[in-house]
Amino acid sequence: MGQTTSVSGPERSRAVGPCPAGAAPGTLDQVKQVDSQHAGRPHLDGAVVLEPWFHRRPVLTSAVATALYAGVLGLKWLISGPEPILLLFCFPIALVAIAFGLRGGLLAGVGGIALTAIATAVDGFEPSFWGWVARVTPMLLLGGLLGHAADQLRRSEAERSRLMTVAQRHRDAVDLNDRIVQELAAAKWALEGGNSERGLDILGHTLDAAQHMVSQMLRDADAESGDAARRSGSLR
């Protein structure tokens, strides 16, 4: 009797998705394995998304950008002539803007402008007003526009992850509710049939599994709240 009630119907199987390997369909063990697969940052296939290196390692990103600035200055002083070597400042500006957003991109653009002014002063060359506009405008626009776009992409990804997490929690909660109802019905039938030992065993298993799932959901909610707060702080 207990085995019959532990098998879920086709409607619930379609709502929850395929059964994980090693878990019998229609049991609370399946729900726990489905919940464990979605721990961390969710993705469409349930995998964990690995962010690019310049997001995960801000110190390394700053070091690479500094090295690029220094490399462009070195090329400017090694190569004499009218070649627009300083336009290569766009590379570190773009890197900083993608990694740190709008504020980082604007600061990188200002840094590129300051280094351009130093390099032209060392060369003894004084650009005209329009010459300065041609040098300053691309750096500021690149840092500002690319940084703003990077911020928008991060916000969109955070919102997408949040919506996916909410949808997965809803599916898990519905599935957990159905499993508990089925197991309680099996325990009731076992007790009514005079098999009190079997009924009490089903009740104990159901309570343990439900407590485990609720505790896991609460831990995941706390972890996600902390991640959301950190992401919100990094975008300010």
C-alpha atoms as a PDB file:
ATOM      1  CA  MET A   1       0.000   0.000   0.000  1.00  0.00           C
ATOM      2  CA  GLY A   2       2.826   2.387   0.851  1.00  0.00           C
ATOM      3  CA  GLN A   3       4.506   1.670  -2.488  1.00  0.00           C
ATOM      4  CA  THR A   4       1.351   2.510  -4.401  1.00  0.00           C
ATOM      5  CA  THR A   5       0.948   5.915  -2.789  1.00  0.00           C
ATOM      6  CA  SER A   6       4.604   6.859  -3.241  1.00  0.00           C
ATOM      7  CA  VAL A   7       4.334   6.949  -7.042  1.00  0.00           C
ATOM      8  CA  SER A   8       3.404  10.372  -8.379  1.00  0.00           C
ATOM      9  CA  GLY A   9       1.003  10.987 -11.208  1.00  0.00           C
ATOM     10  CA  PRO A  10       2.024  12.219 -14.679  1.00  0.00           C
ATOM     11  CA  GLU A  11       0.791  15.729 -13.964  1.00  0.00           C
ATOM     12  CA  ARG A  12       3.125  16.174 -11.004  1.00  0.00           C
ATOM     13  CA  SER A  13       6.054  14.564 -12.872  1.00  0.00           C
ATOM     14  CA  ARG A  14       5.720  17.108 -15.635  1.00  0.00           C
ATOM     15  CA  ALA A  15       5.614  19.988 -13.134  1.00  0.00           C
ATOM     16  CA  VAL A  16       8.668  18.888 -11.212  1.00  0.00           C
ATOM     17  CA  GLY A  17      10.781  17.562 -14.058  1.00  0.00           C
ATOM     18  CA  PRO A  18      12.811  14.375 -14.508  1.00  0.00           C
ATOM     19  CA  CYS A  19      13.667  12.236 -11.526  1.00  0.00           C
ATOM     20  CA  PRO A  20      17.314  12.544 -10.407  1.00  0.00           C
ATOM     21  CA  ALA A  21      19.513   9.489 -10.742  1.00  0.00           C
ATOM     22  CA  GLY A  22      19.343   7.211  -7.723  1.00  0.00           C
ATOM     23  CA  ALA A  23      16.010   8.502  -6.398  1.00  0.00           C
ATOM     24  CA  ALA A  24      12.773   6.602  -6.727  1.00  0.00           C
ATOM     25  CA  PRO A  25      10.023   8.628  -8.423  1.00  0.00           C
ATOM     26  CA  GLY A  26       7.336   9.914  -6.142  1.00  0.00           C
ATOM     27  CA  THR A  27       9.346   9.857  -2.902  1.00  0.00           C
ATOM     28  CA  LEU A  28      10.531  12.620  -0.620  1.00  0.00           C
ATOM     29  CA  ASP A  29      14.114  11.586  -1.431  1.00  0.00           C
ATOM     30  CA  GLN A  30      13.483  12.848  -4.974  1.00  0.00           C
ATOM     31  CA  VAL A  31      12.404  16.226  -3.615  1.00  0.00           C
ATOM     32  CA  LYS A  32      15.566  16.497  -1.490  1.00  0.00           C
ATOM     33  CA  GLN A  33      17.799  15.655  -4.462  1.00  0.00           C
ATOM     34  CA  VAL A  34      15.980  18.166  -6.681  1.00  0.00           C
ATOM     35  CA  ASP A  35      16.470  20.820  -3.984  1.00  0.00           C
ATOM     36  CA  SER A  36      20.181  20.014  -3.667  1.00  0.00           C
ATOM     37  CA  GLN A  37      20.670  20.314  -7.433  1.00  0.00           C
ATOM     38  CA  HIS A  38      19.465  23.908  -7.337  1.00  0.00           C
ATOM     39  CA  ALA A  39      21.711  25.082  -4.494  1.00  0.00           C
ATOM     40  CA  GLY A  40      23.934  28.025  -5.432  1.00  0.00           C
ATOM     41  CA  ARG A  41      23.348  30.316  -8.342  1.00  0.00           C
ATOM     42  CA  PRO A  42      20.682  28.727 -10.604  1.00  0.00           C
ATOM     43  CA  HIS A  43      20.763  28.425 -14.362  1.00  0.00           C
ATOM     44  CA  LEU A  44      18.377  27.035 -16.964  1.00  0.00           C
ATOM     45  CA  ASP A  45      19.777  23.505 -16.677  1.00  0.00           C
ATOM     46  CA  GLY A  46      20.303  23.646 -12.892  1.00  0.00           C
ATOM     47  CA  ALA A  47      24.060  24.108 -13.187  1.00  0.00           C
ATOM     48  CA  VAL A  48      26.068  26.685 -11.285  1.00  0.00           C
ATOM     49  CA  VAL A  49      27.078  29.720 -13.355  1.00  0.00           C
ATOM     50  CA  LEU A  50      30.760  30.645 -13.168  1.00  0.00           C
ATOM     51  CA  GLU A  51      31.309  34.379 -13.523  1.00  0.00           C
ATOM     52  CA  PRO A  52      34.144  35.780 -15.694  1.00  0.00           C
ATOM     53  CA  TRP A  53      37.551  36.176 -14.113  1.00  0.00           C
ATOM     54  CA  PHE A  54      37.373  39.975 -14.061  1.00  0.00           C
ATOM     55  CA  HIS A  55      34.275  39.749 -11.850  1.00  0.00           C
ATOM     56  CA  ARG A  56      35.650  37.062  -9.562  1.00  0.00           C
ATOM     57  CA  ARG A  57      39.110  38.621  -9.138  1.00  0.00           C
ATOM     58  CA  PRO A  58      38.865  42.423  -8.851  1.00  0.00           C
ATOM     59  CA  VAL A  59      42.439  42.746  -7.564  1.00  0.00           C
ATOM     60  CA  LEU A  60      43.795  40.896 -10.576  1.00  0.00           C
ATOM     61  CA  THR A  61      41.593  42.999 -12.852  1.00  0.00           C
ATOM     62  CA  SER A  62      43.016  46.203 -11.369  1.00  0.00           C
ATOM     63  CA  ALA A  63      46.558  44.871 -11.777  1.00  0.00           C
ATOM     64  CA  VAL A  64      45.964  43.952 -15.436  1.00  0.00           C
ATOM     65  CA  ALA A  65      44.445  47.367 -16.156  1.00  0.00           C
ATOM     66  CA  THR A  66      47.418  49.102 -14.501  1.00  0.00           C
ATOM     67  CA  ALA A  67      49.814  46.994 -16.559  1.00  0.00           C
ATOM     68  CA  LEU A  68      47.944  47.954 -19.734  1.00  0.00           C
ATOM     69  CA  TYR A  69      48.163  51.649 -18.862  1.00  0.00           C
ATOM     70  CA  ALA A  70      51.901  51.281 -18.237  1.00  0.00           C
ATOM     71  CA  GLY A  71      52.350  49.343 -21.463  1.00  0.00           C
ATOM     72  CA  VAL A  72      50.656  52.039 -23.528  1.00  0.00           C
ATOM     73  CA  LEU A  73      52.838  54.734 -21.939  1.00  0.00           C
ATOM     74  CA  GLY A  74      55.916  52.631 -22.633  1.00  0.00           C
ATOM     75  CA  LEU A  75      54.960  52.266 -26.278  1.00  0.00           C
ATOM     76  CA  LYS A  76      54.351  56.013 -26.544  1.00  0.00           C
ATOM     77  CA  TRP A  77      57.832  56.807 -25.292  1.00  0.00           C
ATOM     78  CA  LEU A  78      59.468  54.068 -27.353  1.00  0.00           C
ATOM     79  CA  ILE A  79      57.775  54.957 -30.626  1.00  0.00           C
ATOM     80  CA  SER A  80      58.362  58.529 -31.684  1.00  0.00           C
ATOM     81  CA  GLY A  81      56.150  60.117 -34.256  1.00  0.00           C
ATOM     82  CA  PRO A  82      52.548  61.132 -34.828  1.00  0.00           C
ATOM     83  CA  GLU A  83      51.129  57.625 -34.354  1.00  0.00           C
ATOM     84  CA  PRO A  84      48.032  57.702 -32.080  1.00  0.00           C
ATOM     85  CA  ILE A  85      49.492  55.262 -29.569  1.00  0.00           C
ATOM     86  CA  LEU A  86      47.518  56.786 -26.686  1.00  0.00           C
ATOM     87  CA  LEU A  87      44.272  55.557 -28.224  1.00  0.00           C
ATOM     88  CA  LEU A  88      45.266  52.150 -26.851  1.00  0.00           C
ATOM     89  CA  PHE A  89      44.155  53.446 -23.448  1.00  0.00           C
ATOM     90  CA  CYS A  90      40.725  52.268 -24.609  1.00  0.00           C
ATOM     91  CA  PHE A  91      41.700  48.682 -23.709  1.00  0.00           C
ATOM     92  CA  PRO A  92      42.247  49.176 -19.956  1.00  0.00           C
ATOM     93  CA  ILE A  93      39.283  51.569 -19.827  1.00  0.00           C
ATOM     94  CA  ALA A  94      37.025  48.926 -21.391  1.00  0.00           C
ATOM     95  CA  LEU A  95      38.303  46.244 -19.008  1.00  0.00           C
ATOM     96  CA  VAL A  96      37.665  48.381 -15.927  1.00  0.00           C
ATOM     97  CA  ALA A  97      34.235  49.458 -17.184  1.00  0.00           C
ATOM     98  CA  ILE A  98      33.100  45.869 -17.771  1.00  0.00           C
ATOM     99  CA  ALA A  99      34.468  44.696 -14.437  1.00  0.00           C
ATOM    100  CA  PHE A 100      33.408  47.574 -12.151  1.00  0.00           C
ATOM    101  CA  GLY A 101      30.540  49.269 -13.952  1.00  0.00           C
ATOM    102  CA  LEU A 102      29.745  52.916 -14.589  1.00  0.00           C
ATOM    103  CA  ARG A 103      31.794  54.467 -11.775  1.00  0.00           C
ATOM    104  CA  GLY A 104      34.814  52.322 -12.541  1.00  0.00           C
ATOM    105  CA  GLY A 105      34.547  53.105 -16.255  1.00  0.00           C
ATOM    106  CA  LEU A 106      34.387  56.849 -15.655  1.00  0.00           C
ATOM    107  CA  LEU A 107      37.344  56.724 -13.264  1.00  0.00           C
ATOM    108  CA  ALA A 108      39.307  54.691 -15.794  1.00  0.00           C
ATOM    109  CA  GLY A 109      38.460  57.261 -18.469  1.00  0.00           C
ATOM    110  CA  VAL A 110      39.649  60.103 -16.228  1.00  0.00           C
ATOM    111  CA  GLY A 111      42.834  58.133 -15.548  1.00  0.00           C
ATOM    112  CA  GLY A 112      43.404  57.728 -19.264  1.00  0.00           C
ATOM    113  CA  ILE A 113      42.904  61.458 -19.784  1.00  0.00           C
ATOM    114  CA  ALA A 114      45.383  62.284 -16.995  1.00  0.00           C
ATOM    115  CA  LEU A 115      47.997  59.941 -18.472  1.00  0.00           C
ATOM    116  CA  THR A 116      47.394  61.469 -21.908  1.00  0.00           C
ATOM    117  CA  ALA A 117      48.017  64.936 -20.485  1.00  0.00           C
ATOM    118  CA  ILE A 118      51.234  63.739 -18.821  1.00  0.00           C
ATOM    119  CA  ALA A 119      52.482  62.086 -22.010  1.00  0.00           C
ATOM    120  CA  THR A 120      51.784  65.151 -24.157  1.00  0.00           C
ATOM    121  CA  ALA A 121      53.454  67.419 -21.592  1.00  0.00           C
ATOM    122  CA  VAL A 122      56.559  65.228 -21.545  1.00  0.00           C
ATOM    123  CA  ASP A 123      56.691  65.323 -25.352  1.00  0.00           C
ATOM    124  CA  GLY A 124      56.375  69.102 -25.277  1.00  0.00           C
ATOM    125  CA  PHE A 125      53.304  68.973 -27.505  1.00  0.00           C
ATOM    126  CA  GLU A 126      50.296  71.184 -26.766  1.00  0.00           C
ATOM    127  CA  PRO A 127      47.114  70.042 -28.569  1.00  0.00           C
ATOM    128  CA  SER A 128      44.478  72.537 -29.629  1.00  0.00           C
ATOM    129  CA  PHE A 129      41.046  72.696 -28.027  1.00  0.00           C
ATOM    130  CA  TRP A 130      39.575  70.342 -30.597  1.00  0.00           C
ATOM    131  CA  GLY A 131      42.603  68.127 -30.238  1.00  0.00           C
ATOM    132  CA  TRP A 132      41.815  67.729 -26.540  1.00  0.00           C
ATOM    133  CA  VAL A 133      38.142  67.097 -27.326  1.00  0.00           C
ATOM    134  CA  ALA A 134      39.155  64.355 -29.751  1.00  0.00           C
ATOM    135  CA  ARG A 135      41.318  62.750 -27.072  1.00  0.00           C
ATOM    136  CA  VAL A 136      39.058  63.182 -24.036  1.00  0.00           C
ATOM    137  CA  THR A 137      35.603  62.411 -25.458  1.00  0.00           C
ATOM    138  CA  PRO A 138      36.219  58.803 -26.627  1.00  0.00           C
ATOM    139  CA  MET A 139      37.718  57.788 -23.277  1.00  0.00           C
ATOM    140  CA  LEU A 140      34.869  59.218 -21.214  1.00  0.00           C
ATOM    141  CA  LEU A 141      32.191  57.906 -23.555  1.00  0.00           C
ATOM    142  CA  LEU A 142      33.724  54.439 -23.666  1.00  0.00           C
ATOM    143  CA  GLY A 143      34.084  54.206 -19.895  1.00  0.00           C
ATOM    144  CA  GLY A 144      30.641  55.653 -19.174  1.00  0.00           C
ATOM    145  CA  LEU A 145      28.583  53.851 -21.800  1.00  0.00           C
ATOM    146  CA  LEU A 146      30.284  50.475 -21.421  1.00  0.00           C
ATOM    147  CA  GLY A 147      30.179  50.701 -17.628  1.00  0.00           C
ATOM    148  CA  HIS A 148      26.485  51.591 -17.677  1.00  0.00           C
ATOM    149  CA  ALA A 149      25.756  48.669 -20.003  1.00  0.00           C
ATOM    150  CA  ALA A 150      27.708  46.316 -17.725  1.00  0.00           C
ATOM    151  CA  ASP A 151      25.673  47.498 -14.716  1.00  0.00           C
ATOM    152  CA  GLN A 152      22.430  46.924 -16.585  1.00  0.00           C
ATOM    153  CA  LEU A 153      23.501  43.425 -17.605  1.00  0.00           C
ATOM    154  CA  ARG A 154      24.380  42.535 -14.013  1.00  0.00           C
ATOM    155  CA  ARG A 155      21.032  43.823 -12.769  1.00  0.00           C
ATOM    156  CA  SER A 156      19.190  41.862 -15.459  1.00  0.00           C
ATOM    157  CA  GLU A 157      21.101  38.690 -14.613  1.00  0.00           C
ATOM    158  CA  ALA A 158      20.394  39.150 -10.897  1.00  0.00           C
ATOM    159  CA  GLU A 159      16.679  39.620 -11.565  1.00  0.00           C
ATOM    160  CA  ARG A 160      16.619  36.609 -13.876  1.00  0.00           C
ATOM    161  CA  SER A 161      18.320  34.465 -11.243  1.00  0.00           C
ATOM    162  CA  ARG A 162      15.869  35.689  -8.612  1.00  0.00           C
ATOM    163  CA  LEU A 163      12.852  34.820 -10.754  1.00  0.00           C
ATOM    164  CA  MET A 164      14.268  31.381 -11.531  1.00  0.00           C
ATOM    165  CA  THR A 165      14.872  30.769  -7.835  1.00  0.00           C
ATOM    166  CA  VAL A 166      11.311  31.809  -6.975  1.00  0.00           C
ATOM    167  CA  ALA A 167       9.909  29.517  -9.666  1.00  0.00           C
ATOM    168  CA  GLN A 168      12.025  26.595  -8.465  1.00  0.00           C
ATOM    169  CA  ARG A 169      10.969  27.161  -4.854  1.00  0.00           C
ATOM    170  CA  HIS A 170       7.348  27.157  -5.934  1.00  0.00           C
ATOM    171  CA  ARG A 171       7.792  23.858  -7.766  1.00  0.00           C
ATOM    172  CA  ASP A 172       9.623  22.342  -4.801  1.00  0.00           C
ATOM    173  CA  ALA A 173       6.972  23.545  -2.353  1.00  0.00           C
ATOM    174  CA  VAL A 174       4.121  22.121  -4.456  1.00  0.00           C
ATOM    175  CA  ASP A 175       5.941  18.843  -4.872  1.00  0.00           C
ATOM    176  CA  LEU A 176       6.766  18.648  -1.161  1.00  0.00           C
ATOM    177  CA  ASN A 177       3.147  19.288  -0.277  1.00  0.00           C
ATOM    178  CA  ASP A 178       1.956  16.526  -2.602  1.00  0.00           C
ATOM    179  CA  ARG A 179       4.513  14.043  -1.267  1.00  0.00           C
ATOM    180  CA  ILE A 180       3.581  14.784   2.339  1.00  0.00           C
ATOM    181  CA  VAL A 181      -0.116  14.359   1.587  1.00  0.00           C
ATOM    182  CA  GLN A 182       0.567  11.049  -0.167  1.00  0.00           C
ATOM    183  CA  GLU A 183       2.748   9.745   2.633  1.00  0.00           C
ATOM    184  CA  LEU A 184       0.228  10.799   5.288  1.00  0.00           C
ATOM    185  CA  ALA A 185      -2.521   9.051   3.341  1.00  0.00           C
ATOM    186  CA  ALA A 186      -0.370   5.916   3.218  1.00  0.00           C
ATOM    187  CA  ALA A 187       0.199   6.131   6.982  1.00  0.00           C
ATOM    188  CA  LYS A 188      -3.543   6.571   7.582  1.00  0.00           C
ATOM    189  CA  TRP A 189      -4.364   3.512   5.493  1.00  0.00           C
ATOM    190  CA  ALA A 190      -1.720   1.478   7.281  1.00  0.00           C
ATOM    191  CA  LEU A 191      -3.114   2.452  10.701  1.00  0.00           C
ATOM    192  CA  GLU A 192      -6.670   1.759   9.614  1.00  0.00           C
ATOM    193  CA  GLY A 193      -5.560  -1.628   8.308  1.00  0.00           C
ATOM    194  CA  GLY A 194      -4.136  -2.555  11.697  1.00  0.00           C
ATOM    195  CA  ASN A 195      -0.473  -2.188  10.624  1.00  0.00           C
ATOM    196  CA  SER A 196       0.452   0.398  13.254  1.00  0.00           C
ATOM    197  CA  GLU A 197       4.191  -0.244  13.014  1.00  0.00           C
ATOM    198  CA  ARG A 198       4.214   0.470   9.292  1.00  0.00           C
ATOM    199  CA  GLY A 199       2.043   3.577   9.761  1.00  0.00           C
ATOM    200  CA  LEU A 200       4.269   5.022  12.468  1.00  0.00           C
ATOM    201  CA  ASP A 201       7.356   4.315  10.362  1.00  0.00           C
ATOM    202  CA  ILE A 202       5.861   6.240   7.425  1.00  0.00           C
ATOM    203  CA  LEU A 203       4.942   9.144   9.716  1.00  0.00           C
ATOM    204  CA  GLY A 204       8.451   9.335  11.165  1.00  0.00           C
ATOM    205  CA  HIS A 205      10.050   9.272   7.714  1.00  0.00           C
ATOM    206  CA  THR A 206       7.669  11.957   6.455  1.00  0.00           C
ATOM    207  CA  LEU A 207       8.324  14.283   9.397  1.00  0.00           C
ATOM    208  CA  ASP A 208      12.105  13.903   9.091  1.00  0.00           C
ATOM    209  CA  ALA A 209      12.072  14.579   5.353  1.00  0.00           C
ATOM    210  CA  ALA A 210       9.745  17.578   5.701  1.00  0.00           C
ATOM    211  CA  GLN A 211      11.927  19.085   8.438  1.00  0.00           C
ATOM    212  CA  HIS A 212      15.032  18.583   6.308  1.00  0.00           C
ATOM    213  CA  MET A 213      13.439  20.260   3.298  1.00  0.00           C
ATOM    214  CA  VAL A 214      12.145  23.259   5.257  1.00  0.00           C
ATOM    215  CA  SER A 215      15.542  23.751   6.931  1.00  0.00           C
ATOM    216  CA  GLN A 216      17.301  23.542   3.563  1.00  0.00           C
ATOM    217  CA  MET A 217      14.932  26.103   2.030  1.00  0.00           C
ATOM    218  CA  LEU A 218      15.525  28.497   4.934  1.00  0.00           C
ATOM    219  CA  ARG A 219      19.314  28.148   4.609  1.00  0.00           C
ATOM    220  CA  ASP A 220      19.134  28.757   0.861  1.00  0.00           C
ATOM    221  CA  ALA A 221      16.940  31.822   1.416  1.00  0.00           C
ATOM    222  CA  ASP A 222      19.435  33.277   3.912  1.00  0.00           C
ATOM    223  CA  ALA A 223      22.372  32.609   1.583  1.00  0.00           C
ATOM    224  CA  GLU A 224      20.592  34.184  -1.381  1.00  0.00           C
ATOM    225  CA  SER A 225      19.653  37.244   0.689  1.00  0.00           C
ATOM    226  CA  GLY A 226      23.322  37.741   1.573  1.00  0.00           C
ATOM    227  CA  ASP A 227      24.381  37.335  -2.069  1.00  0.00           C
ATOM    228  CA  ALA A 228      21.731  39.827  -3.197  1.00  0.00           C
ATOM    229  CA  ALA A 229      22.908  42.357  -0.611  1.00  0.00           C
ATOM    230  CA  ARG A 230      26.524  41.985  -1.766  1.00  0.00           C
ATOM    231  CA  ARG A 231      25.534  42.365  -5.421  1.00  0.00           C
ATOM    232  CA  SER A 232      23.452  45.447  -4.591  1.00  0.00           C
ATOM    233  CA  GLY A 233      26.394  46.988  -2.739  1.00  0.00           C
ATOM    234  CA  SER A 234      28.778  46.312  -5.621  1.00  0.00           C
ATOM    235  CA  LEU A 235      26.482  48.140  -8.065  1.00  0.00           C
ATOM    236  CA  ARG A 236      26.273  51.323  -5.962  1.00  0.00           C
END
